[in-house]
């Protein structure tokens, strides 16, 4: 598992390229405030938007997740903890006033980028109205 890439996946790179090409600037792999050893894949700090691009296997995608047969109980526990950690992280960020967007790895990068772009635009408009 130590060889398993957790950052700069093909989907992350594709989404980041599209966001950058559309003029958006962001930060990558930012630690979650107040939660050690957890990072946000793509962050728009000014508008407080956190983007997570979750792998189907590691995060339990209802469509594509597989369940290893060897050492099945250990894997079930491991993957259930991952899912619980995702829920906890999302709740923590939401309570702190962040907008959290999660996408599965099988979602096309263009669709992810369009959704993110719309969310950033909406938050910028809302922030400008409050001024």
Protein backbone atom coordinates (compact mmCIF):
# COMPACT_ATOMS: atom_id res chain seq x y z
CA UNK A 1 0.00 0.00 0.00
CA UNK A 2 2.93 2.35 0.54
CA UNK A 3 3.45 2.42 -3.22
CA UNK A 4 -0.12 3.47 -3.85
CA UNK A 5 -0.18 7.07 -5.08
CA UNK A 6 -2.33 9.38 -3.03
CA UNK A 7 -1.58 12.67 -4.75
CA UNK A 8 -1.28 13.86 -8.30
CA UNK A 9 -3.47 11.08 -9.66
CA UNK A 10 -4.45 11.16 -13.33
CA UNK A 11 -7.88 12.55 -12.46
CA UNK A 12 -6.44 15.24 -10.17
CA UNK A 13 -4.00 16.37 -12.84
CA UNK A 14 -6.71 16.47 -15.50
CA UNK A 15 -9.08 18.47 -13.28
CA UNK A 16 -6.34 20.87 -12.21
CA UNK A 17 -5.31 21.47 -15.84
CA UNK A 18 -8.89 22.34 -16.77
CA UNK A 19 -9.36 24.62 -13.76
CA UNK A 20 -6.09 26.42 -14.42
CA UNK A 21 -6.87 26.81 -18.12
CA UNK A 22 -10.19 28.43 -17.22
CA UNK A 23 -8.37 31.04 -15.13
CA UNK A 24 -8.96 29.67 -11.63
CA UNK A 25 -6.08 29.60 -9.17
CA UNK A 26 -6.03 27.19 -6.26
CA UNK A 27 -3.79 25.37 -3.80
CA UNK A 28 -3.19 21.61 -3.74
CA UNK A 29 -2.78 19.06 -0.96
CA UNK A 30 -3.52 21.51 1.83
CA UNK A 31 -3.77 20.16 5.40
CA UNK A 32 -7.28 20.15 6.83
CA UNK A 33 -7.33 22.81 9.58
CA UNK A 34 -7.50 21.16 12.98
CA UNK A 35 -7.23 17.60 11.65
CA UNK A 36 -3.73 16.16 11.53
CA UNK A 37 -2.66 13.84 8.68
CA UNK A 38 -5.60 14.81 6.45
CA UNK A 39 -5.29 16.87 3.30
CA UNK A 40 -7.64 18.51 0.84
CA UNK A 41 -6.89 17.72 -2.82
CA UNK A 42 -7.78 21.15 -4.28
CA UNK A 43 -8.51 24.27 -2.21
CA UNK A 44 -9.89 27.70 -3.01
CA UNK A 45 -9.03 29.41 0.31
CA UNK A 46 -10.62 32.83 -0.33
CA UNK A 47 -14.05 31.37 -0.98
CA UNK A 48 -13.54 28.40 1.38
CA UNK A 49 -14.16 25.59 -1.09
CA UNK A 50 -12.54 22.20 -0.55
CA UNK A 51 -12.45 19.64 -3.37
CA UNK A 52 -11.84 15.92 -2.77
CA UNK A 53 -11.29 13.49 -5.65
CA UNK A 54 -11.94 10.08 -4.12
CA UNK A 55 -10.72 6.78 -5.54
CA UNK A 56 -13.46 4.21 -6.03
CA UNK A 57 -11.65 1.38 -4.23
CA UNK A 58 -10.21 3.32 -1.29
CA UNK A 59 -13.32 5.35 -0.51
CA UNK A 60 -16.05 2.79 -1.21
CA UNK A 61 -17.75 3.96 -4.39
CA UNK A 62 -21.21 2.35 -4.51
CA UNK A 63 -20.81 1.69 -8.25
CA UNK A 64 -17.23 0.48 -8.59
CA UNK A 65 -15.86 -0.56 -5.20
CA UNK A 66 -14.49 -4.09 -5.03
CA UNK A 67 -14.05 -6.21 -1.94
CA UNK A 68 -10.85 -8.26 -1.70
CA UNK A 69 -11.40 -11.90 -0.82
CA UNK A 70 -7.98 -12.45 0.76
CA UNK A 71 -7.92 -11.07 4.31
CA UNK A 72 -11.48 -9.86 3.75
CA UNK A 73 -12.22 -8.84 7.35
CA UNK A 74 -9.10 -6.64 7.57
CA UNK A 75 -9.93 -4.95 4.27
CA UNK A 76 -13.57 -4.39 5.23
CA UNK A 77 -12.45 -2.70 8.47
CA UNK A 78 -9.84 -0.62 6.63
CA UNK A 79 -12.23 0.60 3.94
CA UNK A 80 -15.02 1.28 6.46
CA UNK A 81 -12.59 3.46 8.45
CA UNK A 82 -11.74 5.37 5.27
CA UNK A 83 -15.42 6.06 4.64
CA UNK A 84 -15.97 7.14 8.26
CA UNK A 85 -12.93 9.44 8.06
CA UNK A 86 -14.31 11.03 4.87
CA UNK A 87 -17.63 11.74 6.60
CA UNK A 88 -15.86 13.16 9.66
CA UNK A 89 -13.62 15.40 7.53
CA UNK A 90 -16.56 16.70 5.49
CA UNK A 91 -18.51 17.44 8.67
CA UNK A 92 -15.56 19.23 10.26
CA UNK A 93 -15.03 21.46 7.24
CA UNK A 94 -18.75 22.16 6.80
CA UNK A 95 -19.06 23.21 10.44
CA UNK A 96 -16.12 25.57 9.90
CA UNK A 97 -18.02 27.28 7.06
CA UNK A 98 -16.41 25.53 4.10
CA UNK A 99 -18.17 24.25 0.99
CA UNK A 100 -17.05 20.66 0.44
CA UNK A 101 -17.30 19.00 -2.97
CA UNK A 102 -16.48 15.30 -3.34
CA UNK A 103 -16.16 13.50 -6.65
CA UNK A 104 -15.50 9.85 -7.51
CA UNK A 105 -12.53 9.07 -9.72
CA UNK A 106 -14.80 7.80 -12.51
CA UNK A 107 -16.51 11.17 -12.96
CA UNK A 108 -15.14 12.84 -16.13
CA UNK A 109 -12.67 15.63 -15.42
CA UNK A 110 -14.68 18.06 -17.57
CA UNK A 111 -17.78 17.48 -15.44
CA UNK A 112 -15.82 17.95 -12.21
CA UNK A 113 -14.17 21.14 -13.49
CA UNK A 114 -17.51 22.59 -14.62
CA UNK A 115 -19.12 21.88 -11.23
CA UNK A 116 -16.15 23.36 -9.35
CA UNK A 117 -16.07 26.43 -11.59
CA UNK A 118 -19.80 27.04 -10.98
CA UNK A 119 -19.33 26.68 -7.20
CA UNK A 120 -16.39 29.10 -7.15
CA UNK A 121 -18.30 31.64 -9.24
CA UNK A 122 -21.34 31.33 -6.95
CA UNK A 123 -19.24 31.81 -3.79
CA UNK A 124 -17.46 34.83 -5.31
CA UNK A 125 -20.82 36.42 -6.19
CA UNK A 126 -22.17 35.76 -2.70
CA UNK A 127 -19.02 37.19 -1.11
CA UNK A 128 -19.22 40.32 -3.28
CA UNK A 129 -22.89 40.85 -2.37
CA UNK A 130 -22.04 40.77 1.32
CA UNK A 131 -19.51 43.58 0.97
